[in-house]
Amino acid sequence: MKRLAVAVDDHPLDYAEFEGVIPEREYGAGKVEIWDRGVYEEEKWGDDEVIVMLKGEKLRGRYCLIKFEKVKDGWLLFRCD
């Protein structure tokens, strides 16, 4: 199964534990939840392709990100093992 991933600006590490609701009309408005936690091991890191081994609480395995030109800053994410 493929998913669309879109690059966003870097966030301060202080945000890593934040969950809650950001009010309307504020940057990033909406519900914020931590869906998974873990680490990754880089296998390949290129301009158009990234391959990592994810070791999360939910996502585990080898995943690929391929640049998706139809969406600005878009990538296709899929399990590749």
PDB file of N, CA and C in Angstrom:
ATOM      1  N   MET A   1       0.838  -1.173   0.000  1.00  0.00           N
ATOM      2  CA  MET A   1       0.000   0.000   0.000  1.00  0.00           C
ATOM      3  C   MET A   1       0.890   1.247   0.000  1.00  0.00           C
ATOM      4  N   LYS A   2       0.591   2.196  -0.851  1.00  0.00           N
ATOM      5  CA  LYS A   2       1.367   3.434  -0.953  1.00  0.00           C
ATOM      6  C   LYS A   2       0.641   4.556  -0.222  1.00  0.00           C
ATOM      7  N   ARG A   3       1.422   5.443   0.367  1.00  0.00           N
ATOM      8  CA  ARG A   3       0.891   6.611   1.065  1.00  0.00           C
ATOM      9  C   ARG A   3       1.619   7.842   0.553  1.00  0.00           C
ATOM     10  N   LEU A   4       0.927   8.975   0.526  1.00  0.00           N
ATOM     11  CA  LEU A   4       1.544  10.237   0.149  1.00  0.00           C
ATOM     12  C   LEU A   4       2.127  10.879   1.402  1.00  0.00           C
ATOM     13  N   ALA A   5       3.398  11.246   1.340  1.00  0.00           N
ATOM     14  CA  ALA A   5       4.069  11.962   2.427  1.00  0.00           C
ATOM     15  C   ALA A   5       4.482  13.318   1.885  1.00  0.00           C
ATOM     16  N   VAL A   6       4.273  14.370   2.649  1.00  0.00           N
ATOM     17  CA  VAL A   6       4.616  15.718   2.210  1.00  0.00           C
ATOM     18  C   VAL A   6       5.594  16.324   3.212  1.00  0.00           C
ATOM     19  N   ALA A   7       6.702  16.843   2.702  1.00  0.00           N
ATOM     20  CA  ALA A   7       7.715  17.460   3.557  1.00  0.00           C
ATOM     21  C   ALA A   7       7.149  18.710   4.220  1.00  0.00           C
ATOM     22  N   VAL A   8       7.500  18.921   5.474  1.00  0.00           N
ATOM     23  CA  VAL A   8       7.105  20.115   6.222  1.00  0.00           C
ATOM     24  C   VAL A   8       8.362  20.741   6.825  1.00  0.00           C
ATOM     25  N   ASP A   9       8.222  21.968   7.332  1.00  0.00           N
ATOM     26  CA  ASP A   9       9.349  22.628   7.982  1.00  0.00           C
ATOM     27  C   ASP A   9       9.785  21.834   9.208  1.00  0.00           C
ATOM     28  N   ASP A  10      11.065  21.924   9.532  1.00  0.00           N
ATOM     29  CA  ASP A  10      11.559  21.303  10.758  1.00  0.00           C
ATOM     30  C   ASP A  10      10.871  21.930  11.965  1.00  0.00           C
ATOM     31  N   HIS A  11      10.675  21.129  12.988  1.00  0.00           N
ATOM     32  CA  HIS A  11      10.046  21.585  14.229  1.00  0.00           C
ATOM     33  C   HIS A  11      11.056  21.469  15.371  1.00  0.00           C
ATOM     34  N   PRO A  12      10.952  22.328  16.378  1.00  0.00           N
ATOM     35  CA  PRO A  12      11.829  22.200  17.547  1.00  0.00           C
ATOM     36  C   PRO A  12      11.593  20.860  18.248  1.00  0.00           C
ATOM     37  N   LEU A  13      12.625  20.310  18.860  1.00  0.00           N
ATOM     38  CA  LEU A  13      12.488  19.037  19.567  1.00  0.00           C
ATOM     39  C   LEU A  13      11.471  19.119  20.706  1.00  0.00           C
ATOM     40  N   ASP A  14      11.245  20.317  21.231  1.00  0.00           N
ATOM     41  CA  ASP A  14      10.240  20.480  22.299  1.00  0.00           C
ATOM     42  C   ASP A  14       8.857  20.016  21.837  1.00  0.00           C
ATOM     43  N   TYR A  15       8.595  20.043  20.538  1.00  0.00           N
ATOM     44  CA  TYR A  15       7.294  19.650  20.009  1.00  0.00           C
ATOM     45  C   TYR A  15       7.117  18.129  19.963  1.00  0.00           C
ATOM     46  N   ALA A  16       8.170  17.364  20.179  1.00  0.00           N
ATOM     47  CA  ALA A  16       8.124  15.909  20.015  1.00  0.00           C
ATOM     48  C   ALA A  16       7.113  15.236  20.933  1.00  0.00           C
ATOM     49  N   GLU A  17       6.785  15.845  22.052  1.00  0.00           N
ATOM     50  CA  GLU A  17       5.853  15.240  23.001  1.00  0.00           C
ATOM     51  C   GLU A  17       4.476  15.910  22.985  1.00  0.00           C
ATOM     52  N   PHE A  18       4.277  16.903  22.104  1.00  0.00           N
ATOM     53  CA  PHE A  18       3.023  17.657  22.115  1.00  0.00           C
ATOM     54  C   PHE A  18       1.887  16.874  21.480  1.00  0.00           C
ATOM     55  N   GLU A  19       0.774  16.805  22.193  1.00  0.00           N
ATOM     56  CA  GLU A  19      -0.487  16.303  21.660  1.00  0.00           C
ATOM     57  C   GLU A  19      -1.573  17.265  22.132  1.00  0.00           C
ATOM     58  N   GLY A  20      -2.546  17.509  21.290  1.00  0.00           N
ATOM     59  CA  GLY A  20      -3.631  18.404  21.666  1.00  0.00           C
ATOM     60  C   GLY A  20      -4.257  19.018  20.431  1.00  0.00           C
ATOM     61  N   VAL A  21      -4.953  20.129  20.635  1.00  0.00           N
ATOM     62  CA  VAL A  21      -5.634  20.817  19.533  1.00  0.00           C
ATOM     63  C   VAL A  21      -5.046  22.210  19.389  1.00  0.00           C
ATOM     64  N   ILE A  22      -4.642  22.546  18.168  1.00  0.00           N
ATOM     65  CA  ILE A  22      -4.187  23.896  17.847  1.00  0.00           C
ATOM     66  C   ILE A  22      -5.412  24.637  17.308  1.00  0.00           C
ATOM     67  N   PRO A  23      -5.770  25.772  17.920  1.00  0.00           N
ATOM     68  CA  PRO A  23      -6.992  26.487  17.536  1.00  0.00           C
ATOM     69  C   PRO A  23      -7.000  26.924  16.062  1.00  0.00           C
ATOM     70  N   GLU A  24      -8.232  27.054  15.514  1.00  0.00           N
ATOM     71  CA  GLU A  24      -8.402  27.562  14.149  1.00  0.00           C
ATOM     72  C   GLU A  24      -7.728  28.920  14.022  1.00  0.00           C
ATOM     73  N   ARG A  25      -7.290  29.226  12.817  1.00  0.00           N
ATOM     74  CA  ARG A  25      -6.613  30.476  12.458  1.00  0.00           C
ATOM     75  C   ARG A  25      -5.196  30.582  13.030  1.00  0.00           C
ATOM     76  N   GLU A  26      -4.700  29.517  13.670  1.00  0.00           N
ATOM     77  CA  GLU A  26      -3.305  29.475  14.093  1.00  0.00           C
ATOM     78  C   GLU A  26      -2.569  28.507  13.190  1.00  0.00           C
ATOM     79  N   TYR A  27      -1.262  28.751  13.007  1.00  0.00           N
ATOM     80  CA  TYR A  27      -0.448  27.896  12.139  1.00  0.00           C
ATOM     81  C   TYR A  27      -0.512  26.447  12.627  1.00  0.00           C
ATOM     82  N   GLY A  28      -0.840  25.543  11.739  1.00  0.00           N
ATOM     83  CA  GLY A  28      -0.935  24.128  12.078  1.00  0.00           C
ATOM     84  C   GLY A  28      -2.229  23.738  12.752  1.00  0.00           C
ATOM     85  N   ALA A  29      -3.268  24.545  12.581  1.00  0.00           N
ATOM     86  CA  ALA A  29      -4.547  24.318  13.266  1.00  0.00           C
ATOM     87  C   ALA A  29      -5.047  22.896  13.072  1.00  0.00           C
ATOM     88  N   GLY A  30      -5.623  22.349  14.141  1.00  0.00           N
ATOM     89  CA  GLY A  30      -6.219  21.025  14.091  1.00  0.00           C
ATOM     90  C   GLY A  30      -5.706  20.131  15.204  1.00  0.00           C
ATOM     91  N   LYS A  31      -6.130  18.882  15.152  1.00  0.00           N
ATOM     92  CA  LYS A  31      -5.755  17.897  16.167  1.00  0.00           C
ATOM     93  C   LYS A  31      -4.340  17.388  15.909  1.00  0.00           C
ATOM     94  N   VAL A  32      -3.549  17.303  16.958  1.00  0.00           N
ATOM     95  CA  VAL A  32      -2.179  16.794  16.873  1.00  0.00           C
ATOM     96  C   VAL A  32      -2.091  15.564  17.773  1.00  0.00           C
ATOM     97  N   GLU A  33      -1.655  14.445  17.203  1.00  0.00           N
ATOM     98  CA  GLU A  33      -1.466  13.251  18.005  1.00  0.00           C
ATOM     99  C   GLU A  33      -0.173  12.555  17.596  1.00  0.00           C
ATOM    100  N   ILE A  34       0.449  11.898  18.542  1.00  0.00           N
ATOM    101  CA  ILE A  34       1.654  11.119  18.258  1.00  0.00           C
ATOM    102  C   ILE A  34       1.181   9.734  17.849  1.00  0.00           C
ATOM    103  N   TRP A  35       1.421   9.374  16.591  1.00  0.00           N
ATOM    104  CA  TRP A  35       0.926   8.117  16.065  1.00  0.00           C
ATOM    105  C   TRP A  35       1.908   6.976  16.297  1.00  0.00           C
ATOM    106  N   ASP A  36       3.208   7.286  16.273  1.00  0.00           N
ATOM    107  CA  ASP A  36       4.227   6.254  16.443  1.00  0.00           C
ATOM    108  C   ASP A  36       5.495   6.895  16.982  1.00  0.00           C
ATOM    109  N   ARG A  37       6.323   6.095  17.609  1.00  0.00           N
ATOM    110  CA  ARG A  37       7.642   6.530  18.095  1.00  0.00           C
ATOM    111  C   ARG A  37       8.645   5.455  17.712  1.00  0.00           C
ATOM    112  N   GLY A  38       9.885   5.867  17.507  1.00  0.00           N
ATOM    113  CA  GLY A  38      10.913   4.886  17.207  1.00  0.00           C
ATOM    114  C   GLY A  38      12.141   5.535  16.620  1.00  0.00           C
ATOM    115  N   VAL A  39      12.948   4.710  15.978  1.00  0.00           N
ATOM    116  CA  VAL A  39      14.186   5.163  15.346  1.00  0.00           C
ATOM    117  C   VAL A  39      14.244   4.587  13.936  1.00  0.00           C
ATOM    118  N   TYR A  40      15.192   5.077  13.156  1.00  0.00           N
ATOM    119  CA  TYR A  40      15.386   4.540  11.810  1.00  0.00           C
ATOM    120  C   TYR A  40      16.868   4.363  11.544  1.00  0.00           C
ATOM    121  N   GLU A  41      17.178   3.445  10.634  1.00  0.00           N
ATOM    122  CA  GLU A  41      18.531   3.271  10.132  1.00  0.00           C
ATOM    123  C   GLU A  41      18.505   3.615   8.652  1.00  0.00           C
ATOM    124  N   GLU A  42      19.354   4.532   8.255  1.00  0.00           N
ATOM    125  CA  GLU A  42      19.426   4.965   6.859  1.00  0.00           C
ATOM    126  C   GLU A  42      20.153   3.925   6.021  1.00  0.00           C
ATOM    127  N   GLU A  43      19.533   3.561   4.896  1.00  0.00           N
ATOM    128  CA  GLU A  43      20.166   2.655   3.944  1.00  0.00           C
ATOM    129  C   GLU A  43      20.625   3.425   2.700  1.00  0.00           C
ATOM    130  N   LYS A  44      19.764   4.326   2.242  1.00  0.00           N
ATOM    131  CA  LYS A  44      20.090   5.151   1.062  1.00  0.00           C
ATOM    132  C   LYS A  44      19.410   6.495   1.242  1.00  0.00           C
ATOM    133  N   TRP A  45      20.125   7.585   0.942  1.00  0.00           N
ATOM    134  CA  TRP A  45      19.554   8.922   1.098  1.00  0.00           C
ATOM    135  C   TRP A  45      19.931   9.747  -0.131  1.00  0.00           C
ATOM    136  N   GLY A  46      19.034   9.795  -1.116  1.00  0.00           N
ATOM    137  CA  GLY A  46      19.287  10.545  -2.338  1.00  0.00           C
ATOM    138  C   GLY A  46      18.268  11.656  -2.522  1.00  0.00           C
ATOM    139  N   ASP A  47      18.443  12.441  -3.577  1.00  0.00           N
ATOM    140  CA  ASP A  47      17.519  13.545  -3.853  1.00  0.00           C
ATOM    141  C   ASP A  47      16.133  13.062  -4.253  1.00  0.00           C
ATOM    142  N   ASP A  48      16.064  11.888  -4.890  1.00  0.00           N
ATOM    143  CA  ASP A  48      14.790  11.375  -5.397  1.00  0.00           C
ATOM    144  C   ASP A  48      14.333  10.069  -4.754  1.00  0.00           C
ATOM    145  N   GLU A  49      15.174   9.486  -3.906  1.00  0.00           N
ATOM    146  CA  GLU A  49      14.837   8.210  -3.285  1.00  0.00           C
ATOM    147  C   GLU A  49      15.502   8.096  -1.917  1.00  0.00           C
ATOM    148  N   VAL A  50      14.732   7.641  -0.946  1.00  0.00           N
ATOM    149  CA  VAL A  50      15.236   7.416   0.403  1.00  0.00           C
ATOM    150  C   VAL A  50      14.773   6.025   0.831  1.00  0.00           C
ATOM    151  N   ILE A  51      15.695   5.239   1.390  1.00  0.00           N
ATOM    152  CA  ILE A  51      15.352   3.918   1.905  1.00  0.00           C
ATOM    153  C   ILE A  51      15.829   3.854   3.350  1.00  0.00           C
ATOM    154  N   VAL A  52      14.906   3.486   4.248  1.00  0.00           N
ATOM    155  CA  VAL A  52      15.232   3.407   5.672  1.00  0.00           C
ATOM    156  C   VAL A  52      14.638   2.135   6.275  1.00  0.00           C
ATOM    157  N   MET A  53      15.257   1.680   7.350  1.00  0.00           N
ATOM    158  CA  MET A  53      14.714   0.604   8.160  1.00  0.00           C
ATOM    159  C   MET A  53      14.072   1.275   9.363  1.00  0.00           C
ATOM    160  N   LEU A  54      12.733   1.176   9.468  1.00  0.00           N
ATOM    161  CA  LEU A  54      12.007   1.791  10.580  1.00  0.00           C
ATOM    162  C   LEU A  54      11.888   0.793  11.721  1.00  0.00           C
ATOM    163  N   LYS A  55      12.106   1.300  12.922  1.00  0.00           N
ATOM    164  CA  LYS A  55      11.991   0.476  14.126  1.00  0.00           C
ATOM    165  C   LYS A  55      11.102   1.229  15.102  1.00  0.00           C
ATOM    166  N   GLY A  56       9.821   1.287  14.779  1.00  0.00           N
ATOM    167  CA  GLY A  56       8.861   2.004  15.597  1.00  0.00           C
ATOM    168  C   GLY A  56       8.017   1.057  16.424  1.00  0.00           C
ATOM    169  N   GLU A  57       7.143   1.637  17.224  1.00  0.00           N
ATOM    170  CA  GLU A  57       6.216   0.825  18.001  1.00  0.00           C
ATOM    171  C   GLU A  57       5.154   0.214  17.086  1.00  0.00           C
ATOM    172  N   LYS A  58       4.789   0.924  16.011  1.00  0.00           N
ATOM    173  CA  LYS A  58       3.786   0.425  15.054  1.00  0.00           C
ATOM    174  C   LYS A  58       4.425   0.044  13.727  1.00  0.00           C
ATOM    175  N   LEU A  59       5.191   0.952  13.140  1.00  0.00           N
ATOM    176  CA  LEU A  59       5.832   0.682  11.845  1.00  0.00           C
ATOM    177  C   LEU A  59       7.191   0.040  12.066  1.00  0.00           C
ATOM    178  N   ARG A  60       7.377  -1.113  11.441  1.00  0.00           N
ATOM    179  CA  ARG A  60       8.658  -1.805  11.498  1.00  0.00           C
ATOM    180  C   ARG A  60       8.929  -2.365  10.115  1.00  0.00           C
ATOM    181  N   GLY A  61      10.164  -2.248   9.667  1.00  0.00           N
ATOM    182  CA  GLY A  61      10.528  -2.815   8.378  1.00  0.00           C
ATOM    183  C   GLY A  61      11.220  -1.807   7.492  1.00  0.00           C
ATOM    184  N   ARG A  62      11.486  -2.250   6.281  1.00  0.00           N
ATOM    185  CA  ARG A  62      12.207  -1.449   5.288  1.00  0.00           C
ATOM    186  C   ARG A  62      11.194  -0.653   4.473  1.00  0.00           C
ATOM    187  N   TYR A  63      11.355   0.672   4.465  1.00  0.00           N
ATOM    188  CA  TYR A  63      10.429   1.560   3.767  1.00  0.00           C
ATOM    189  C   TYR A  63      11.175   2.418   2.763  1.00  0.00           C
ATOM    190  N   CYS A  64      10.489   2.714   1.662  1.00  0.00           N
ATOM    191  CA  CYS A  64      11.058   3.530   0.589  1.00  0.00           C
ATOM    192  C   CYS A  64      10.224   4.798   0.417  1.00  0.00           C
ATOM    193  N   LEU A  65      10.903   5.884   0.150  1.00  0.00           N
ATOM    194  CA  LEU A  65      10.265   7.151  -0.221  1.00  0.00           C
ATOM    195  C   LEU A  65      10.784   7.510  -1.607  1.00  0.00           C
ATOM    196  N   ILE A  66       9.874   7.707  -2.533  1.00  0.00           N
ATOM    197  CA  ILE A  66      10.217   8.073  -3.910  1.00  0.00           C
ATOM    198  C   ILE A  66       9.601   9.432  -4.201  1.00  0.00           C
ATOM    199  N   LYS A  67      10.403  10.367  -4.726  1.00  0.00           N
ATOM    200  CA  LYS A  67       9.924  11.712  -5.049  1.00  0.00           C
ATOM    201  C   LYS A  67       8.721  11.623  -5.975  1.00  0.00           C
ATOM    202  N   PHE A  68       7.656  12.365  -5.622  1.00  0.00           N
ATOM    203  CA  PHE A  68       6.402  12.360  -6.377  1.00  0.00           C
ATOM    204  C   PHE A  68       6.209  13.759  -6.950  1.00  0.00           C
ATOM    205  N   GLU A  69       6.550  13.933  -8.197  1.00  0.00           N
ATOM    206  CA  GLU A  69       6.607  15.257  -8.835  1.00  0.00           C
ATOM    207  C   GLU A  69       5.242  15.935  -8.976  1.00  0.00           C
ATOM    208  N   LYS A  70       4.148  15.174  -8.919  1.00  0.00           N
ATOM    209  CA  LYS A  70       2.826  15.770  -9.119  1.00  0.00           C
ATOM    210  C   LYS A  70       2.366  16.607  -7.930  1.00  0.00           C
ATOM    211  N   VAL A  71       3.037  16.459  -6.776  1.00  0.00           N
ATOM    212  CA  VAL A  71       2.680  17.197  -5.565  1.00  0.00           C
ATOM    213  C   VAL A  71       3.932  17.918  -5.066  1.00  0.00           C
ATOM    214  N   LYS A  72       3.816  19.226  -4.812  1.00  0.00           N
ATOM    215  CA  LYS A  72       4.959  19.991  -4.319  1.00  0.00           C
ATOM    216  C   LYS A  72       5.459  19.374  -3.011  1.00  0.00           C
ATOM    217  N   ASP A  73       6.743  19.092  -2.938  1.00  0.00           N
ATOM    218  CA  ASP A  73       7.374  18.465  -1.773  1.00  0.00           C
ATOM    219  C   ASP A  73       6.766  17.109  -1.438  1.00  0.00           C
ATOM    220  N   GLY A  74       6.184  16.434  -2.445  1.00  0.00           N
ATOM    221  CA  GLY A  74       5.516  15.158  -2.214  1.00  0.00           C
ATOM    222  C   GLY A  74       6.431  13.961  -2.424  1.00  0.00           C
ATOM    223  N   TRP A  75       6.171  12.930  -1.651  1.00  0.00           N
ATOM    224  CA  TRP A  75       6.897  11.666  -1.723  1.00  0.00           C
ATOM    225  C   TRP A  75       5.888  10.524  -1.614  1.00  0.00           C
ATOM    226  N   LEU A  76       6.151   9.420  -2.285  1.00  0.00           N
ATOM    227  CA  LEU A  76       5.362   8.209  -2.102  1.00  0.00           C
ATOM    228  C   LEU A  76       6.097   7.334  -1.103  1.00  0.00           C
ATOM    229  N   LEU A  77       5.392   6.914  -0.060  1.00  0.00           N
ATOM    230  CA  LEU A  77       5.955   6.069   0.984  1.00  0.00           C
ATOM    231  C   LEU A  77       5.352   4.678   0.859  1.00  0.00           C
ATOM    232  N   PHE A  78       6.190   3.662   0.846  1.00  0.00           N
ATOM    233  CA  PHE A  78       5.675   2.287   0.817  1.00  0.00           C
ATOM    234  C   PHE A  78       6.685   1.331   1.417  1.00  0.00           C
ATOM    235  N   ARG A  79       6.171   0.231   1.901  1.00  0.00           N
ATOM    236  CA  ARG A  79       7.051  -0.809   2.456  1.00  0.00           C
ATOM    237  C   ARG A  79       7.722  -1.522   1.293  1.00  0.00           C
ATOM    238  N   CYS A  80       9.012  -1.728   1.405  1.00  0.00           N
ATOM    239  CA  CYS A  80       9.725  -2.290   0.245  1.00  0.00           C
ATOM    240  C   CYS A  80      10.511  -3.546   0.601  1.00  0.00           C
ATOM    241  N   ASP A  81      10.090  -4.292   1.611  1.00  0.00           N
ATOM    242  CA  ASP A  81      10.779  -5.550   1.896  1.00  0.00           C
ATOM    243  C   ASP A  81       9.832  -6.727   1.850  1.00  0.00           C
TER     244      ASP A  81
END
